[in-house]
Amino acid sequence: MFTDSQMKIETSFTILSDDEKVGTLTEVLQDYSYIIIESKQLFVIGKAERFLVAAVRKDQKIKDWLQISELLPSEYFSIQDIQNEKINWLRPVIIKKQNEYQGIVTAAERIRSLQRENKYIMTYFETLAETMNDAVTAVDNNGTVFYWNSVAEDTYHIKKEAIIGKKIGEHFDSESIQLHQILKVGNPIRGTYHRPNEHTHVLINASPVLVDNKIIGGISTEHDITKLIHLNQELDSNSVLYVQKEAPFSSVLSSSKEVKRAVEIAQKVASAEIPVLISGETGTGKEQLAQAIHYGGSKRKNPLLSLNCSTIPKDLIEMELFGYQKMTFDSGDTEEIEGKVEQAETGTLFIEEVDKMPLAVQEKLLHYMTEQSFTRVGGEPQKKPATRFILSSTQPLGELVRKGEFNEKLYYQISVIHIEIPPLRKRKEDIPHLVNNFIKMYNEKYAKKITKINEQALHILCAYDWPGNIKELKNVIEHSVLVSEGNNELTLEYIPAEIVDNYKVSIQGGKGNKEDNEMERIEEALKKTYGNKSAAATLLGISRGTLYNKIKEFGLK
């Protein structure tokens, strides 16, 4: 890679025929570093080798001397072929292009160039390894560490000087070291969950280093996910309860026919063991309905766990779902980590955004649902817990199946009971009681004394499309309650400006103030505010008196 441009080629040479006399050879070596002797083969003699002919008669022909001296001939190659491993470096090598001699390369210079090349390659490797955000480890075929980057130091709290030159097993249990398996088996590992010690969780990529199909070592990169694992565990232990356990379905408040129908279906299947698929946009209340199904059914006294496929790295989903069993290379006890399927045994597992689950994990989930058995990551024994599944999706799974992005058999397995929850913009009749419930909730949380929402503010909230659905509405009410100052009424001034401004623009519709459009804009404002003239005036950006005059002018009711 670096040799051609850096290897020194000696150009101080001349050419002699083997018919010349040895005396000529001695004289010429005073002026040149090397002589190329053309004979049946090519021979090279350097200035430092004049002692070879010191005792030879000056009038003897070179070819006669070569015959009795048994001097080894030199090989010749083009500069492009100089790295050929089969070159015999016992004598200087001639660089030749077609019929033209270009120079001489000695074994000593070749060694120096290889040393430089090795130094450059190692520097590139070290720079690359130190540039990465992952821990990088390199070992030879005996498991001796010869590279350990600074991220590895931070991840494992082991300094380079404490591990380089030592067997990796001196710092880790041999059965927990994936590089040992790489050295023995030779199969690469990609995106595999691994626990090299009690306190560390990583995703590992590891590959054997092969030369002539022989394993000479191994390299691994390990992405530290310990904080993410702890965060997931913390979130699991602090999961929000959206329903009252005693009367869970009463917590799902709605005046919408679609939502009421969804609740009716959920109540009917709550005590069944079959999976339930709940689909709908983000923030529509899928998790709340899932909790209601669990606590309203026969498994109410058993665990309810959740796994969100959109918040967990794809490489971790299988381990989170089915658990992990430490790889063992020697006999002895194995470390086992239960997945959510086992943890929710006899209870319910709510898999959120199953549309984000990798296809390989979908296949494994299908196998469990149909065969009631599975294998932990890295393990052999199969488990058979009786776990009930509720699943949610933000995308139409039928379309994903047609695109080949979702397992067709799994889709039919989980969609026997399919409940769809409409977005909030299609059931705006729910907004008033949702707003009042959230006001009560945040009154208690922040010790506020708000008793109602101003009619004008409520109408603006009802006019908004809520792309974030109930979650967005909840956040807006929390913000409004927090910023309210000693008022018992939630007024328009506490509603986020972007919501009010957005709908001023939507009412005006970019039509300007032309007289022929004015009546249409006023009618639209009154419609959006359910006839509330104060709210309509705010949306139109005019005074209430002006609005009354315009209504009278256009004969509007």
Protein backbone atom coordinates (compact mmCIF):
# COMPACT_ATOMS: atom_id res chain seq x y z
CA MET A 1 0.00 0.00 0.00
CA PHE A 2 2.81 2.43 0.87
CA THR A 3 5.91 0.53 -0.32
CA ASP A 4 6.19 1.58 -3.96
CA SER A 5 6.51 5.30 -3.30
CA GLN A 6 8.85 4.95 -0.32
CA MET A 7 11.21 2.10 -1.15
CA LYS A 8 14.63 3.39 -2.15
CA ILE A 9 15.84 2.12 -5.55
CA GLU A 10 19.61 2.39 -6.04
CA THR A 11 20.35 3.95 -9.44
CA SER A 12 24.14 4.15 -9.16
CA PHE A 13 24.97 1.14 -11.32
CA THR A 14 26.49 0.14 -14.63
CA ILE A 15 26.42 -2.95 -16.82
CA LEU A 16 29.31 -5.25 -17.75
CA SER A 17 29.49 -8.26 -20.02
CA ASP A 18 30.87 -11.48 -18.56
CA ASP A 19 33.55 -11.36 -21.27
CA GLU A 20 35.18 -8.44 -19.46
CA LYS A 21 38.13 -9.02 -17.18
CA VAL A 22 37.97 -9.06 -13.39
CA GLY A 23 40.33 -6.04 -13.30
CA THR A 24 37.72 -4.00 -15.15
CA LEU A 25 35.15 -5.06 -12.55
CA THR A 26 37.40 -3.78 -9.75
CA GLU A 27 38.02 -0.43 -11.46
CA VAL A 28 34.35 0.21 -12.25
CA LEU A 29 33.27 -0.47 -8.65
CA GLN A 30 35.24 2.64 -7.65
CA ASP A 31 32.74 4.80 -9.56
CA TYR A 32 29.45 2.90 -9.12
CA SER A 33 27.63 1.36 -6.16
CA TYR A 34 26.60 -1.73 -8.13
CA ILE A 35 27.51 -3.61 -11.30
CA ILE A 36 25.03 -5.77 -13.21
CA ILE A 37 26.89 -8.58 -14.99
CA GLU A 38 25.12 -9.93 -18.03
CA SER A 39 25.81 -13.64 -18.42
CA LYS A 40 23.60 -16.69 -18.91
CA GLN A 41 21.93 -15.23 -15.82
CA LEU A 42 22.16 -11.80 -14.25
CA PHE A 43 24.55 -11.19 -11.36
CA VAL A 44 24.85 -8.14 -9.11
CA ILE A 45 28.00 -7.14 -7.21
CA GLY A 46 28.02 -4.19 -4.85
CA LYS A 47 30.92 -1.88 -3.91
CA ALA A 48 30.91 -3.42 -0.43
CA GLU A 49 31.63 -6.84 -2.01
CA ARG A 50 34.95 -5.96 -3.70
CA PHE A 51 36.63 -8.41 -1.34
CA LEU A 52 35.08 -11.23 -3.44
CA VAL A 53 37.51 -10.48 -6.27
CA ALA A 54 40.47 -9.25 -4.24
CA ALA A 55 42.43 -12.53 -4.67
CA VAL A 56 41.35 -13.16 -8.27
CA ARG A 57 43.78 -12.52 -11.17
CA LYS A 58 43.00 -9.21 -12.87
CA ASP A 59 43.26 -10.73 -16.35
CA GLN A 60 40.78 -13.55 -15.65
CA LYS A 61 37.47 -13.25 -17.43
CA ILE A 62 34.45 -12.55 -15.30
CA LYS A 63 32.54 -15.56 -16.67
CA ASP A 64 35.35 -17.89 -15.60
CA TRP A 65 35.40 -16.36 -12.17
CA LEU A 66 31.59 -16.69 -11.86
CA GLN A 67 31.85 -20.36 -12.80
CA ILE A 68 34.17 -21.20 -9.92
CA SER A 69 32.87 -18.64 -7.36
CA GLU A 70 29.36 -20.13 -7.21
CA LEU A 71 27.95 -16.62 -6.75
CA LEU A 72 24.14 -16.72 -6.65
CA PRO A 73 22.38 -14.94 -9.54
CA SER A 74 19.97 -12.04 -9.00
CA GLU A 75 16.31 -12.03 -9.96
CA TYR A 76 14.69 -9.20 -11.86
CA PHE A 77 11.15 -7.81 -11.57
CA SER A 78 9.17 -4.74 -12.51
CA ILE A 79 8.54 -2.24 -9.73
CA GLN A 80 4.88 -3.35 -9.69
CA ASP A 81 5.92 -6.94 -8.88
CA ILE A 82 8.50 -6.13 -6.23
CA GLN A 83 6.10 -7.23 -3.44
CA ASN A 84 5.95 -10.75 -4.87
CA GLU A 85 6.34 -13.08 -1.90
CA LYS A 86 8.32 -15.60 -3.97
CA ILE A 87 11.27 -13.27 -4.64
CA ASN A 88 14.59 -14.62 -3.40
CA TRP A 89 16.20 -11.80 -1.45
CA LEU A 90 19.51 -13.62 -0.84
CA ARG A 91 21.01 -11.35 -3.55
CA PRO A 92 20.06 -7.80 -4.56
CA VAL A 93 17.04 -7.70 -6.87
CA ILE A 94 17.17 -5.92 -10.24
CA ILE A 95 14.31 -3.60 -11.21
CA LYS A 96 13.77 -4.00 -14.92
CA LYS A 97 11.11 -2.65 -17.26
CA GLN A 98 10.99 -4.48 -20.57
CA ASN A 99 14.67 -4.41 -21.68
CA GLU A 100 15.70 -1.42 -19.57
CA TYR A 101 17.44 -1.73 -16.22
CA GLN A 102 16.03 0.82 -13.74
CA GLY A 103 17.89 0.10 -10.54
CA ILE A 104 18.79 -2.21 -7.67
CA VAL A 105 16.89 -3.03 -4.45
CA THR A 106 18.66 -4.77 -1.59
CA ALA A 107 17.18 -7.03 1.05
CA ALA A 108 18.07 -4.45 3.72
CA GLU A 109 16.11 -1.75 1.89
CA ARG A 110 13.16 -4.10 1.41
CA ILE A 111 13.12 -4.79 5.17
CA ARG A 112 13.22 -1.07 5.92
CA SER A 113 10.32 -0.43 3.53
CA LEU A 114 8.28 -3.22 5.12
CA GLN A 115 8.94 -1.76 8.54
CA ARG A 116 7.77 1.64 7.34
CA GLU A 117 4.70 0.10 5.71
CA ASN A 118 3.87 -1.80 8.90
CA LYS A 119 4.26 1.40 10.93
CA TYR A 120 1.95 3.32 8.58
CA ILE A 121 -0.67 0.56 8.53
CA MET A 122 -0.66 0.33 12.33
CA THR A 123 -0.96 4.12 12.57
CA TYR A 124 -3.95 4.09 10.22
CA PHE A 125 -5.52 1.23 12.20
CA GLU A 126 -4.95 2.97 15.54
CA THR A 127 -6.30 6.28 14.23
CA LEU A 128 -9.39 4.52 12.87
CA ALA A 129 -9.90 2.64 16.14
CA GLU A 130 -9.53 5.80 18.21
CA THR A 131 -11.94 7.66 15.92
CA MET A 132 -14.71 5.15 16.62
CA ASN A 133 -17.24 5.56 19.42
CA ASP A 134 -17.07 1.84 20.18
CA ALA A 135 -14.62 -0.19 22.23
CA VAL A 136 -12.09 -1.88 19.92
CA THR A 137 -10.13 -4.98 20.94
CA ALA A 138 -7.61 -6.92 18.83
CA VAL A 139 -6.05 -10.23 19.89
CA ASP A 140 -3.66 -12.73 18.33
CA ASN A 141 -4.49 -16.40 17.84
CA ASN A 142 -3.58 -17.12 21.48
CA GLY A 143 -6.00 -14.52 22.81
CA THR A 144 -3.22 -12.08 23.73
CA VAL A 145 -4.37 -8.47 23.47
CA PHE A 146 -2.25 -6.25 21.23
CA TYR A 147 -4.71 -3.38 20.79
CA TRP A 148 -7.15 -1.75 23.21
CA ASN A 149 -8.55 1.68 22.37
CA SER A 150 -9.45 4.52 24.73
CA VAL A 151 -13.20 3.77 24.49
CA ALA A 152 -12.44 0.24 25.73
CA GLU A 153 -10.58 1.81 28.64
CA ASP A 154 -13.65 3.89 29.53
CA THR A 155 -16.11 1.04 28.98
CA TYR A 156 -14.30 -1.57 31.08
CA HIS A 157 -12.21 0.70 33.34
CA ILE A 158 -9.06 -1.19 32.31
CA LYS A 159 -6.03 0.82 31.20
CA LYS A 160 -4.11 -0.15 28.06
CA GLU A 161 -0.92 -0.88 29.95
CA ALA A 162 -2.82 -3.29 32.20
CA ILE A 163 -4.16 -5.47 29.38
CA ILE A 164 -1.97 -5.15 26.26
CA GLY A 165 0.40 -8.10 26.06
CA LYS A 166 -1.74 -10.20 28.37
CA LYS A 167 -4.34 -12.86 27.71
CA ILE A 168 -7.80 -11.33 27.55
CA GLY A 169 -9.01 -14.09 29.88
CA GLU A 170 -6.98 -12.54 32.70
CA HIS A 171 -9.56 -9.74 32.91
CA PHE A 172 -12.75 -11.51 31.86
CA ASP A 173 -14.26 -14.93 32.51
CA SER A 174 -13.22 -17.10 29.60
CA GLU A 175 -16.77 -18.30 28.97
CA SER A 176 -17.95 -14.70 28.55
CA ILE A 177 -15.42 -13.71 25.88
CA GLN A 178 -16.86 -13.74 22.37
CA LEU A 179 -13.37 -13.44 20.85
CA HIS A 180 -12.56 -16.89 22.23
CA GLN A 181 -15.41 -18.31 20.16
CA ILE A 182 -14.20 -16.36 17.13
CA LEU A 183 -10.70 -17.85 17.47
CA LYS A 184 -12.08 -21.38 17.85
CA VAL A 185 -14.88 -21.43 15.31
CA GLY A 186 -14.05 -18.60 12.93
CA ASN A 187 -17.62 -17.39 12.43
CA PRO A 188 -18.12 -13.60 12.56
CA ILE A 189 -20.65 -12.08 14.96
CA ARG A 190 -22.84 -9.13 14.00
CA GLY A 191 -24.94 -6.95 16.31
CA THR A 192 -25.06 -9.57 19.06
CA TYR A 193 -26.03 -8.70 22.62
CA HIS A 194 -23.22 -9.58 25.00
CA ARG A 195 -22.43 -9.24 28.68
CA PRO A 196 -18.65 -9.41 29.12
CA ASN A 197 -18.97 -8.80 32.85
CA GLU A 198 -21.61 -8.28 35.53
CA HIS A 199 -21.89 -4.53 35.07
CA THR A 200 -21.60 -4.05 31.30
CA HIS A 201 -24.03 -4.60 28.42
CA VAL A 202 -22.76 -4.28 24.85
CA LEU A 203 -23.69 -4.97 21.25
CA ILE A 204 -20.74 -6.75 19.68
CA ASN A 205 -19.41 -7.12 16.15
CA ALA A 206 -16.44 -9.48 15.91
CA SER A 207 -14.52 -11.09 13.07
CA PRO A 208 -11.60 -13.50 12.77
CA VAL A 209 -8.46 -12.25 11.04
CA LEU A 210 -7.61 -14.76 8.30
CA VAL A 211 -4.34 -15.22 6.41
CA ASP A 212 -4.30 -18.04 3.85
CA ASN A 213 -7.50 -19.38 5.46
CA LYS A 214 -5.76 -19.62 8.81
CA ILE A 215 -7.04 -17.69 11.83
CA ILE A 216 -4.23 -15.50 13.15
CA GLY A 217 -6.35 -13.41 15.52
CA GLY A 218 -9.62 -11.58 16.04
CA ILE A 219 -11.00 -8.04 16.24
CA SER A 220 -14.15 -6.92 18.02
CA THR A 221 -16.03 -3.65 18.32
CA GLU A 222 -18.40 -3.32 21.24
CA HIS A 223 -21.06 -0.62 21.56
CA ASP A 224 -21.83 0.12 25.20
CA ILE A 225 -25.60 -0.01 25.83
CA THR A 226 -25.43 -0.26 29.62
CA LYS A 227 -27.09 3.13 30.14
CA LEU A 228 -29.82 2.24 27.66
CA ILE A 229 -30.50 -1.07 29.43
CA HIS A 230 -30.70 0.69 32.79
CA LEU A 231 -33.00 3.34 31.30
CA ASN A 232 -35.33 0.66 29.91
CA GLN A 233 -35.36 -1.07 33.29
CA GLU A 234 -36.12 2.24 34.98
CA LEU A 235 -38.92 2.99 32.53
CA ASP A 236 -40.36 -0.48 33.11
CA SER A 237 -40.34 0.03 36.86
CA ASN A 238 -41.97 3.46 36.52
CA SER A 239 -44.54 2.69 33.83
CA VAL A 240 -47.54 5.01 33.83
CA LEU A 241 -50.95 3.58 34.69
CA TYR A 242 -53.57 5.16 32.45
CA VAL A 243 -56.63 3.37 33.84
CA GLN A 244 -58.25 2.60 37.17
CA LYS A 245 -57.63 -1.06 37.91
CA GLU A 246 -61.04 -1.50 39.51
CA ALA A 247 -63.02 -0.14 36.55
CA PRO A 248 -60.50 0.08 33.71
CA PHE A 249 -62.87 0.68 30.81
CA SER A 250 -64.48 3.64 32.55
CA SER A 251 -61.16 5.44 32.16
CA VAL A 252 -61.50 5.39 28.36
CA LEU A 253 -63.69 8.46 27.98
CA SER A 254 -65.18 9.26 24.59
CA SER A 255 -68.35 10.47 22.93
CA SER A 256 -67.19 9.09 19.59
CA LYS A 257 -69.16 6.19 18.13
CA GLU A 258 -65.93 4.67 16.78
CA VAL A 259 -64.19 4.77 20.15
CA LYS A 260 -67.25 3.45 21.96
CA ARG A 261 -67.39 0.57 19.50
CA ALA A 262 -63.68 -0.09 20.06
CA VAL A 263 -64.25 -0.21 23.83
CA GLU A 264 -67.17 -2.62 23.39
CA ILE A 265 -64.99 -5.01 21.36
CA ALA A 266 -62.16 -4.69 23.90
CA GLN A 267 -64.53 -5.58 26.77
CA LYS A 268 -65.76 -8.66 24.94
CA VAL A 269 -62.26 -10.04 24.29
CA ALA A 270 -60.66 -8.97 27.58
CA SER A 271 -60.93 -12.42 29.14
CA ALA A 272 -59.96 -14.30 25.99
CA GLU A 273 -56.45 -15.66 25.45
CA ILE A 274 -56.14 -14.63 21.79
CA PRO A 275 -53.91 -11.73 20.71
CA VAL A 276 -55.40 -8.28 20.17
CA LEU A 277 -54.07 -5.79 17.61
CA ILE A 278 -54.75 -2.11 18.30
CA SER A 279 -53.93 0.30 15.48
CA GLY A 280 -54.00 4.07 15.36
CA GLU A 281 -51.82 7.14 15.10
CA THR A 282 -49.31 8.00 17.80
CA GLY A 283 -50.99 9.46 20.88
CA THR A 284 -54.51 8.16 20.22
CA GLY A 285 -54.68 6.09 23.43
CA LYS A 286 -53.59 2.62 22.33
CA GLU A 287 -51.66 1.94 25.54
CA GLN A 288 -54.61 3.04 27.67
CA LEU A 289 -56.91 0.63 25.85
CA ALA A 290 -54.32 -2.17 26.20
CA GLN A 291 -54.18 -1.59 29.96
CA ALA A 292 -57.98 -1.62 30.12
CA ILE A 293 -58.07 -4.99 28.30
CA HIS A 294 -55.55 -6.48 30.73
CA TYR A 295 -57.11 -5.17 33.94
CA GLY A 296 -60.60 -5.85 32.64
CA GLY A 297 -59.87 -9.50 31.88
CA SER A 298 -58.99 -12.78 33.53
CA LYS A 299 -55.27 -11.94 33.82
CA ARG A 300 -55.82 -8.76 35.84
CA LYS A 301 -53.95 -10.09 38.89
CA ASN A 302 -50.95 -11.18 36.83
CA PRO A 303 -48.12 -9.06 35.34
CA LEU A 304 -48.64 -6.49 32.60
CA LEU A 305 -45.39 -5.60 30.83
CA SER A 306 -44.69 -3.55 27.74
CA LEU A 307 -42.01 -3.46 25.06
CA ASN A 308 -41.76 -0.56 22.63
CA CYS A 309 -40.13 -1.57 19.36
CA SER A 310 -39.54 2.06 18.33
CA THR A 311 -37.46 3.03 21.37
CA ILE A 312 -35.20 -0.05 21.59
CA PRO A 313 -32.31 -0.57 19.14
CA LYS A 314 -33.28 -3.20 16.57
CA ASP A 315 -30.40 -5.45 17.58
CA LEU A 316 -31.71 -5.50 21.16
CA ILE A 317 -35.36 -6.30 20.51
CA GLU A 318 -34.86 -10.08 20.29
CA MET A 319 -32.95 -10.14 23.58
CA GLU A 320 -35.51 -7.89 25.29
CA LEU A 321 -38.33 -10.10 24.06
CA PHE A 322 -36.91 -13.60 24.54
CA GLY A 323 -34.06 -13.12 27.01
CA TYR A 324 -30.42 -14.03 26.95
CA GLN A 325 -28.28 -16.96 28.00
CA LYS A 326 -24.54 -16.48 28.31
CA MET A 327 -22.47 -18.46 25.84
CA THR A 328 -20.41 -21.14 27.57
CA PHE A 329 -17.17 -22.64 26.34
CA ASP A 330 -16.44 -24.76 29.39
CA SER A 331 -18.75 -26.70 31.63
CA GLY A 332 -20.30 -24.87 34.55
CA ASP A 333 -23.21 -22.66 35.47
CA THR A 334 -24.70 -20.35 32.88
CA GLU A 335 -26.00 -16.84 33.40
CA GLU A 336 -29.58 -16.33 32.24
CA ILE A 337 -31.57 -13.14 31.71
CA GLU A 338 -35.31 -13.48 31.28
CA GLY A 339 -36.97 -11.63 28.44
CA LYS A 340 -40.35 -9.92 28.55
CA VAL A 341 -42.12 -13.08 27.32
CA GLU A 342 -40.97 -14.97 30.41
CA GLN A 343 -41.37 -12.04 32.80
CA ALA A 344 -45.00 -11.65 31.70
CA GLU A 345 -45.72 -15.37 32.15
CA THR A 346 -49.43 -15.99 32.98
CA GLY A 347 -49.95 -12.26 32.36
CA THR A 348 -49.97 -9.88 29.39
CA LEU A 349 -47.22 -8.47 27.21
CA PHE A 350 -48.06 -5.29 25.34
CA ILE A 351 -45.82 -4.92 22.28
CA GLU A 352 -45.96 -1.31 21.12
CA GLU A 353 -45.31 -0.39 17.48
CA VAL A 354 -44.90 -3.97 16.32
CA ASP A 355 -44.56 -2.50 12.82
CA LYS A 356 -41.01 -1.47 13.84
CA MET A 357 -40.02 -5.04 14.82
CA PRO A 358 -37.29 -6.57 12.59
CA LEU A 359 -38.48 -9.34 10.27
CA ALA A 360 -36.17 -11.92 11.87
CA VAL A 361 -37.70 -11.24 15.30
CA GLN A 362 -41.20 -11.32 13.77
CA GLU A 363 -40.43 -14.86 12.59
CA LYS A 364 -39.36 -15.88 16.08
CA LEU A 365 -42.46 -14.27 17.62
CA LEU A 366 -44.67 -16.16 15.15
CA HIS A 367 -42.97 -19.41 16.13
CA TYR A 368 -43.68 -18.74 19.80
CA MET A 369 -47.32 -17.89 19.14
CA THR A 370 -47.92 -21.01 17.09
CA GLU A 371 -45.67 -23.49 18.93
CA GLN A 372 -45.65 -21.96 22.43
CA SER A 373 -41.88 -22.37 22.61
CA PHE A 374 -38.78 -20.30 21.98
CA THR A 375 -35.05 -20.15 22.60
CA ARG A 376 -33.24 -17.44 24.47
CA VAL A 377 -30.55 -15.53 22.58
CA GLY A 378 -27.41 -17.64 22.84
CA GLY A 379 -29.23 -20.47 24.59
CA GLU A 380 -30.50 -23.93 23.78
CA PRO A 381 -33.36 -24.97 26.11
CA GLN A 382 -36.81 -23.91 25.00
CA LYS A 383 -39.29 -22.30 27.37
CA LYS A 384 -43.09 -22.48 27.21
CA PRO A 385 -44.66 -19.69 29.29
CA ALA A 386 -48.33 -18.89 28.78
CA THR A 387 -48.20 -15.20 27.89
CA ARG A 388 -51.05 -13.21 26.36
CA PHE A 389 -50.19 -10.59 23.71
CA ILE A 390 -51.68 -7.20 22.96
CA LEU A 391 -49.94 -5.43 20.10
CA SER A 392 -50.16 -1.96 18.63
CA SER A 393 -49.19 -0.42 15.31
CA THR A 394 -49.04 3.13 14.01
CA GLN A 395 -48.86 1.98 10.38
CA PRO A 396 -51.37 -0.13 8.42
CA LEU A 397 -49.90 -3.62 8.72
CA GLY A 398 -51.80 -4.83 5.66
CA GLU A 399 -49.89 -2.37 3.49
CA LEU A 400 -46.59 -3.39 5.07
CA VAL A 401 -47.40 -7.03 4.29
CA ARG A 402 -47.99 -6.16 0.64
CA LYS A 403 -44.63 -4.35 0.54
CA GLY A 404 -42.88 -7.34 2.10
CA GLU A 405 -42.02 -5.30 5.19
CA PHE A 406 -44.10 -7.33 7.66
CA ASN A 407 -44.46 -11.09 8.12
CA GLU A 408 -47.74 -12.12 6.47
CA LYS A 409 -48.32 -15.15 8.70
CA LEU A 410 -47.69 -13.10 11.84
CA TYR A 411 -50.13 -10.45 10.59
CA TYR A 412 -52.92 -13.01 10.25
CA GLN A 413 -51.97 -14.49 13.64
CA ILE A 414 -52.29 -11.18 15.51
CA SER A 415 -55.13 -9.50 13.62
CA VAL A 416 -58.04 -11.85 14.39
CA ILE A 417 -59.18 -9.17 16.84
CA HIS A 418 -58.25 -5.84 15.29
CA ILE A 419 -59.33 -2.64 17.05
CA GLU A 420 -58.80 0.70 15.33
CA ILE A 421 -58.75 3.97 17.28
CA PRO A 422 -59.52 7.08 15.19
CA PRO A 423 -57.33 10.19 15.52
CA LEU A 424 -58.52 13.07 17.68
CA ARG A 425 -59.21 15.31 14.65
CA LYS A 426 -61.95 12.86 13.64
CA ARG A 427 -63.60 12.88 17.07
CA LYS A 428 -63.38 16.48 18.22
CA GLU A 429 -66.45 15.96 20.38
CA ASP A 430 -64.05 14.29 22.84
CA ILE A 431 -61.90 17.38 23.30
CA PRO A 432 -64.00 19.22 25.94
CA HIS A 433 -64.15 16.36 28.47
CA LEU A 434 -60.50 15.41 27.79
CA VAL A 435 -59.51 19.02 28.49
CA ASN A 436 -61.48 19.06 31.75
CA ASN A 437 -59.96 15.76 32.87
CA PHE A 438 -56.43 16.98 32.16
CA ILE A 439 -57.11 20.23 34.01
CA LYS A 440 -58.17 18.24 37.09
CA MET A 441 -55.09 16.00 36.78
CA TYR A 442 -52.62 18.91 36.61
CA ASN A 443 -54.47 20.92 39.21
CA GLU A 444 -53.63 18.16 41.67
CA LYS A 445 -50.09 17.69 40.40
CA TYR A 446 -49.11 21.37 40.49
CA ALA A 447 -51.40 22.56 43.33
CA LYS A 448 -53.39 24.88 41.07
CA LYS A 449 -56.98 26.04 41.56
CA ILE A 450 -58.32 26.17 38.01
CA THR A 451 -62.00 25.26 37.94
CA LYS A 452 -62.81 25.71 34.25
CA ILE A 453 -61.53 26.67 30.82
CA ASN A 454 -62.57 29.86 29.12
CA GLU A 455 -65.11 29.25 26.35
CA GLN A 456 -63.02 31.13 23.79
CA ALA A 457 -59.91 29.08 24.61
CA LEU A 458 -61.89 25.82 24.45
CA HIS A 459 -63.27 26.67 21.02
CA ILE A 460 -59.76 27.31 19.69
CA LEU A 461 -58.62 23.96 21.08
CA CYS A 462 -61.60 22.30 19.41
CA ALA A 463 -60.71 23.92 16.09
CA TYR A 464 -57.13 22.61 16.13
CA ASP A 465 -56.36 19.35 14.26
CA TRP A 466 -54.05 17.82 16.92
CA PRO A 467 -51.50 15.93 14.80
CA GLY A 468 -50.08 14.53 18.05
CA ASN A 469 -53.55 13.45 19.15
CA ILE A 470 -54.40 13.01 22.86
CA LYS A 471 -50.74 13.13 23.91
CA GLU A 472 -50.32 16.54 22.29
CA LEU A 473 -53.54 17.83 23.89
CA LYS A 474 -52.38 16.55 27.27
CA ASN A 475 -49.03 18.33 26.91
CA VAL A 476 -50.74 21.59 25.90
CA ILE A 477 -53.04 21.50 28.95
CA GLU A 478 -50.09 20.72 31.24
CA HIS A 479 -48.24 23.72 29.79
CA SER A 480 -51.29 25.96 30.13
CA VAL A 481 -51.97 24.94 33.72
CA LEU A 482 -48.34 25.43 34.67
CA VAL A 483 -48.07 28.98 33.26
CA SER A 484 -51.45 30.15 34.62
CA GLU A 485 -51.01 32.67 37.42
CA GLY A 486 -53.53 32.52 40.25
CA ASN A 487 -56.52 32.49 37.91
CA ASN A 488 -59.32 29.98 38.43
CA GLU A 489 -60.08 30.05 34.72
CA LEU A 490 -57.83 28.80 31.93
CA THR A 491 -57.94 31.61 29.39
CA LEU A 492 -56.69 32.10 25.84
CA GLU A 493 -53.52 33.87 26.97
CA TYR A 494 -52.23 30.61 28.49
CA ILE A 495 -52.79 28.54 25.34
CA PRO A 496 -49.53 28.15 23.33
CA ALA A 497 -49.30 30.94 20.74
CA GLU A 498 -48.53 28.59 17.86
CA ILE A 499 -51.95 26.93 18.22
CA VAL A 500 -53.81 30.28 18.18
CA ASP A 501 -51.64 31.73 15.38
CA ASN A 502 -51.98 28.58 13.29
CA TYR A 503 -55.72 28.88 13.23
CA LYS A 504 -55.80 32.59 12.62
CA VAL A 505 -53.90 31.78 9.42
CA SER A 506 -56.21 28.86 8.58
CA ILE A 507 -59.31 31.03 8.98
CA GLN A 508 -57.90 33.85 6.86
CA GLY A 509 -56.69 31.28 4.36
CA GLY A 510 -54.41 33.79 2.69
CA LYS A 511 -57.41 35.42 1.04
CA GLY A 512 -56.66 38.97 2.26
CA ASN A 513 -59.39 41.40 3.22
CA LYS A 514 -61.28 41.63 -0.04
CA GLU A 515 -64.94 42.39 0.51
CA ASP A 516 -66.18 39.48 -1.62
CA ASN A 517 -64.36 36.97 0.61
CA GLU A 518 -65.19 38.60 3.93
CA MET A 519 -68.57 36.96 4.47
CA GLU A 520 -67.13 33.52 3.68
CA ARG A 521 -64.32 34.01 6.21
CA ILE A 522 -66.73 35.16 8.92
CA GLU A 523 -69.02 32.18 8.30
CA GLU A 524 -66.02 29.83 8.55
CA ALA A 525 -64.88 31.44 11.81
CA LEU A 526 -68.36 31.15 13.36
CA LYS A 527 -68.54 27.52 12.25
CA LYS A 528 -65.17 26.65 13.76
CA THR A 529 -66.03 28.37 17.04
CA TYR A 530 -69.50 26.83 17.24
CA GLY A 531 -71.14 30.27 16.97
CA ASN A 532 -69.05 31.87 19.74
CA LYS A 533 -68.61 35.44 18.48
CA SER A 534 -65.77 36.35 20.86
CA ALA A 535 -63.74 33.35 19.75
CA ALA A 536 -64.57 34.02 16.11
CA ALA A 537 -63.38 37.63 16.44
CA THR A 538 -60.09 36.41 17.93
CA LEU A 539 -59.58 33.96 15.08
CA LEU A 540 -60.30 36.66 12.52
CA GLY A 541 -58.00 39.13 14.25
CA ILE A 542 -60.71 41.80 14.59
CA SER A 543 -62.57 43.34 17.51
CA ARG A 544 -65.84 41.88 18.73
CA GLY A 545 -67.67 45.13 17.84
CA THR A 546 -66.38 44.99 14.28
CA LEU A 547 -67.54 41.38 13.99
CA TYR A 548 -71.06 42.29 15.19
CA ASN A 549 -71.24 45.08 12.61
CA LYS A 550 -70.10 42.72 9.84
CA ILE A 551 -72.64 40.07 10.87
CA LYS A 552 -75.36 42.69 10.68
CA GLU A 553 -74.03 44.01 7.36
CA PHE A 554 -74.03 40.56 5.71
CA GLY A 555 -77.26 39.44 7.35
CA LEU A 556 -75.62 36.49 9.10
CA LYS A 557 -77.15 34.71 12.06
